[in-house]
């Protein structure tokens, strides 16, 4: 911008030949700024949507800030919807991908678990979502979830196995438990003890960042 202003200050419009050369210079200087950075789509439920938090406090805001601090050149876009189950996510996937991102951070399944939905259905829905993203050449970071231990041993075993199994099958990056170090800690959660507060989100983002860096590295040049 300053370069362009300085060039205009030389009254180049009085010299047609030099004017064309200077226009080319301005265009060349502008090209890096116009280059599009890759886009990472957040696709999840209220945990990624930032329920109860400001834009800066939520997962997207803190993740984007952490990426900028580490020099990771990518823009985060949030398509997360509070209350979504894996079935909801699958149903709106094609519509969401109308403006395709370059990579996806997928964090669905918590609401399925809270509703006690069958793990086989949860797995099938997530598998279909990842398969679709895979077909479009989008690397995926899968954010795992763990079942409430009060749901019984069989349910817990089946649900907890969903995320590592899918990550292995699809070669996706895996953060085993999205709420690692945060779950049920009153100091890191909002009053409902289900949704992290700003401090809790900071803990999550710090844990996820090494995998986000690897996700960016998987993008095509």
Protein backbone atom coordinates (compact mmCIF):
# COMPACT_ATOMS: atom_id res chain seq x y z
CA UNK A 1 0.00 0.00 0.00
CA UNK A 2 2.78 2.43 0.88
CA UNK A 3 4.63 1.48 -2.29
CA UNK A 4 1.61 2.27 -4.40
CA UNK A 5 1.16 5.64 -2.69
CA UNK A 6 4.80 6.54 -3.24
CA UNK A 7 4.59 5.64 -6.91
CA UNK A 8 1.51 7.79 -7.37
CA UNK A 9 3.36 10.63 -5.69
CA UNK A 10 5.93 10.68 -8.53
CA UNK A 11 3.25 11.81 -11.01
CA UNK A 12 3.96 8.82 -13.28
CA UNK A 13 0.74 9.45 -15.21
CA UNK A 14 2.64 12.15 -17.16
CA UNK A 15 4.97 9.56 -18.64
CA UNK A 16 2.88 6.88 -20.51
CA UNK A 17 5.75 4.44 -21.11
CA UNK A 18 6.95 4.56 -17.53
CA UNK A 19 3.35 4.36 -16.40
CA UNK A 20 2.89 0.91 -17.94
CA UNK A 21 6.06 -0.35 -16.29
CA UNK A 22 5.02 1.02 -12.93
CA UNK A 23 1.56 -0.53 -13.23
CA UNK A 24 3.28 -3.87 -13.75
CA UNK A 25 5.41 -3.23 -10.68
CA UNK A 26 2.37 -2.45 -8.57
CA UNK A 27 0.68 -5.65 -9.78
CA UNK A 28 3.75 -7.71 -8.96
CA UNK A 29 3.98 -6.18 -5.50
CA UNK A 30 0.32 -6.91 -4.88
CA UNK A 31 0.46 -10.60 -5.86
CA UNK A 32 1.69 -12.01 -2.50
CA UNK A 33 -1.12 -10.22 -0.69
CA UNK A 34 -3.68 -11.64 -3.10
CA UNK A 35 -2.45 -15.23 -2.77
CA UNK A 36 -5.08 -17.24 -0.95
CA UNK A 37 -4.12 -19.05 2.21
CA UNK A 38 -5.49 -22.57 2.70
CA UNK A 39 -8.74 -22.93 4.62
CA UNK A 40 -9.30 -25.29 7.55
CA UNK A 41 -12.93 -26.08 8.28
CA UNK A 42 -14.11 -26.74 11.83
CA UNK A 43 -16.95 -29.23 11.62
CA UNK A 44 -18.48 -30.12 14.93
CA UNK A 45 -20.98 -29.30 17.64
CA UNK A 46 -21.13 -26.77 20.49
CA UNK A 47 -17.63 -27.66 21.69
CA UNK A 48 -16.20 -26.25 18.45
CA UNK A 49 -18.94 -23.68 17.92
CA UNK A 50 -17.91 -21.96 21.16
CA UNK A 51 -21.25 -22.06 22.98
CA UNK A 52 -21.35 -19.52 25.80
CA UNK A 53 -18.09 -17.83 24.77
CA UNK A 54 -17.11 -14.76 22.79
CA UNK A 55 -15.59 -15.16 19.34
CA UNK A 56 -12.08 -14.62 20.71
CA UNK A 57 -12.60 -17.03 23.63
CA UNK A 58 -14.06 -19.90 21.59
CA UNK A 59 -12.20 -22.72 19.90
CA UNK A 60 -12.01 -21.03 16.51
CA UNK A 61 -10.72 -17.72 17.85
CA UNK A 62 -8.10 -19.28 20.10
CA UNK A 63 -7.01 -21.77 17.46
CA UNK A 64 -6.57 -19.07 14.82
CA UNK A 65 -4.55 -16.95 17.26
CA UNK A 66 -2.33 -19.91 18.19
CA UNK A 67 -1.74 -20.70 14.53
CA UNK A 68 -0.73 -17.13 13.81
CA UNK A 69 1.63 -17.18 16.80
CA UNK A 70 3.31 -20.26 15.35
CA UNK A 71 3.43 -18.89 11.82
CA UNK A 72 0.98 -21.41 10.37
CA UNK A 73 -0.51 -19.80 7.28
CA UNK A 74 -4.10 -21.01 7.11
CA UNK A 75 -7.51 -19.51 7.78
CA UNK A 76 -9.96 -21.23 10.11
CA UNK A 77 -13.64 -21.29 9.12
CA UNK A 78 -16.29 -22.54 11.54
CA UNK A 79 -19.22 -24.64 10.31
CA UNK A 80 -20.00 -26.14 13.71
CA UNK A 81 -23.58 -26.21 15.00
CA UNK A 82 -24.51 -26.53 18.66
CA UNK A 83 -26.58 -29.64 19.32
CA UNK A 84 -25.51 -31.48 16.18
CA UNK A 85 -25.19 -35.24 16.23
CA UNK A 86 -23.14 -37.21 13.73
CA UNK A 87 -26.34 -37.80 11.74
CA UNK A 88 -26.94 -34.04 11.59
CA UNK A 89 -23.38 -33.48 10.45
CA UNK A 90 -23.70 -36.08 7.72
CA UNK A 91 -27.02 -34.63 6.53
CA UNK A 92 -25.60 -31.14 6.00
CA UNK A 93 -22.16 -32.14 4.76
CA UNK A 94 -22.64 -31.70 1.01
CA UNK A 95 -24.24 -28.31 1.52
CA UNK A 96 -21.36 -27.23 3.76
CA UNK A 97 -18.79 -28.35 1.20
CA UNK A 98 -20.31 -26.14 -1.49
CA UNK A 99 -17.35 -23.83 -0.85
CA UNK A 100 -14.77 -26.57 -0.27
CA UNK A 101 -12.03 -26.10 2.35
CA UNK A 102 -8.52 -27.50 2.08
CA UNK A 103 -8.64 -29.52 5.31
CA UNK A 104 -11.15 -30.40 8.03
CA UNK A 105 -11.04 -30.66 11.80
CA UNK A 106 -13.90 -33.01 12.64
CA UNK A 107 -15.38 -33.03 16.13
CA UNK A 108 -18.76 -34.75 16.28
CA UNK A 109 -20.16 -37.46 18.53
CA UNK A 110 -20.53 -35.86 21.96
CA UNK A 111 -24.27 -35.30 21.53
CA UNK A 112 -24.75 -38.85 20.24
CA UNK A 113 -23.12 -40.12 23.41
CA UNK A 114 -25.16 -37.85 25.67
CA UNK A 115 -28.32 -39.18 24.01
CA UNK A 116 -27.13 -42.76 24.35
CA UNK A 117 -27.33 -43.36 20.58
CA UNK A 118 -25.96 -46.69 19.34
CA UNK A 119 -22.18 -46.61 18.84
CA UNK A 120 -22.58 -48.51 15.57
CA UNK A 121 -24.66 -45.64 14.17
CA UNK A 122 -22.18 -43.05 15.39
CA UNK A 123 -19.35 -44.95 13.75
CA UNK A 124 -21.25 -45.36 10.49
CA UNK A 125 -22.04 -41.64 10.28
CA UNK A 126 -18.47 -40.57 11.03
CA UNK A 127 -17.14 -43.11 8.58
CA UNK A 128 -19.39 -41.69 5.84
CA UNK A 129 -18.28 -38.13 6.62
CA UNK A 130 -14.57 -39.00 6.56
CA UNK A 131 -15.00 -41.07 3.39
CA UNK A 132 -16.61 -38.09 1.66
CA UNK A 133 -13.83 -35.73 2.76
CA UNK A 134 -11.22 -38.29 1.76
CA UNK A 135 -12.73 -38.57 -1.73
CA UNK A 136 -12.34 -34.81 -2.12
CA UNK A 137 -8.68 -34.98 -1.12
CA UNK A 138 -9.11 -33.18 2.22
CA UNK A 139 -6.85 -34.24 5.08
CA UNK A 140 -8.76 -34.75 8.33
CA UNK A 141 -7.94 -34.21 11.98
CA UNK A 142 -10.41 -36.26 14.01
CA UNK A 143 -11.16 -35.03 17.53
CA UNK A 144 -12.05 -38.03 19.63
CA UNK A 145 -14.70 -38.29 22.32
CA UNK A 146 -15.09 -40.69 25.22
CA UNK A 147 -18.31 -42.05 26.67
CA UNK A 148 -19.65 -41.19 30.09
CA UNK A 149 -18.63 -44.12 32.30
CA UNK A 150 -22.15 -44.24 33.73
CA UNK A 151 -23.45 -45.61 30.41
CA UNK A 152 -22.13 -49.07 31.19
CA UNK A 153 -19.09 -51.09 30.23
CA UNK A 154 -20.35 -52.40 26.89
CA UNK A 155 -21.41 -48.97 25.67
CA UNK A 156 -18.19 -47.34 26.85
CA UNK A 157 -16.02 -49.97 25.17
CA UNK A 158 -17.87 -49.71 21.86
CA UNK A 159 -18.05 -45.91 21.82
CA UNK A 160 -14.46 -45.25 22.88
CA UNK A 161 -13.17 -47.51 20.10
CA UNK A 162 -14.88 -45.50 17.32
CA UNK A 163 -12.31 -42.73 16.91
CA UNK A 164 -9.02 -44.66 17.00
CA UNK A 165 -10.50 -47.31 14.71
CA UNK A 166 -11.62 -44.75 12.12
CA UNK A 167 -8.32 -42.87 12.30
CA UNK A 168 -6.43 -46.08 11.56
CA UNK A 169 -8.74 -47.09 8.72
CA UNK A 170 -8.62 -43.70 6.99
CA UNK A 171 -5.13 -42.55 7.89
CA UNK A 172 -6.60 -39.49 9.61
CA UNK A 173 -4.84 -37.55 12.32
CA UNK A 174 -6.32 -38.24 15.76
CA UNK A 175 -6.54 -36.26 18.97
CA UNK A 176 -7.85 -39.08 21.17
CA UNK A 177 -10.04 -37.06 23.56
CA UNK A 178 -11.12 -33.50 22.81
CA UNK A 179 -11.72 -32.70 26.50
CA UNK A 180 -8.42 -34.14 27.73
CA UNK A 181 -7.33 -32.31 30.88
CA UNK A 182 -10.56 -30.30 30.92
CA UNK A 183 -13.49 -32.67 31.45
CA UNK A 184 -15.35 -32.22 34.76
CA UNK A 185 -12.87 -29.65 36.09
CA UNK A 186 -14.97 -26.77 37.51
CA UNK A 187 -12.09 -24.33 37.00
CA UNK A 188 -11.98 -25.08 33.28
CA UNK A 189 -15.67 -25.40 32.49
CA UNK A 190 -18.79 -23.32 32.37
CA UNK A 191 -21.37 -23.99 35.12
CA UNK A 192 -22.90 -26.91 33.19
CA UNK A 193 -19.56 -28.78 33.43
CA UNK A 194 -20.01 -29.83 29.80
CA UNK A 195 -18.70 -26.82 27.92
CA UNK A 196 -15.19 -25.45 28.49
CA UNK A 197 -14.72 -21.86 29.55
CA UNK A 198 -12.03 -19.70 27.93
CA UNK A 199 -9.31 -21.23 30.11
CA UNK A 200 -10.49 -24.72 29.25
CA UNK A 201 -10.45 -23.95 25.54
CA UNK A 202 -6.88 -22.71 25.92
CA UNK A 203 -5.89 -26.10 27.36
CA UNK A 204 -7.59 -27.90 24.46
CA UNK A 205 -5.98 -25.70 21.82
CA UNK A 206 -2.54 -26.20 23.34
CA UNK A 207 -3.03 -29.96 23.19
CA UNK A 208 -4.35 -29.96 19.64
CA UNK A 209 -1.80 -27.58 18.12
CA UNK A 210 0.92 -30.14 17.25
CA UNK A 211 -1.64 -32.08 15.22
CA UNK A 212 -2.94 -28.90 13.58
CA UNK A 213 0.61 -28.16 12.48
CA UNK A 214 0.82 -31.65 11.00
CA UNK A 215 -2.55 -31.12 9.30
CA UNK A 216 -1.25 -27.98 7.60
CA UNK A 217 1.84 -29.88 6.49
CA UNK A 218 -0.40 -32.43 4.77
CA UNK A 219 -1.91 -29.80 2.50
CA UNK A 220 -0.91 -29.78 -1.13
CA UNK A 221 1.55 -26.98 -1.96
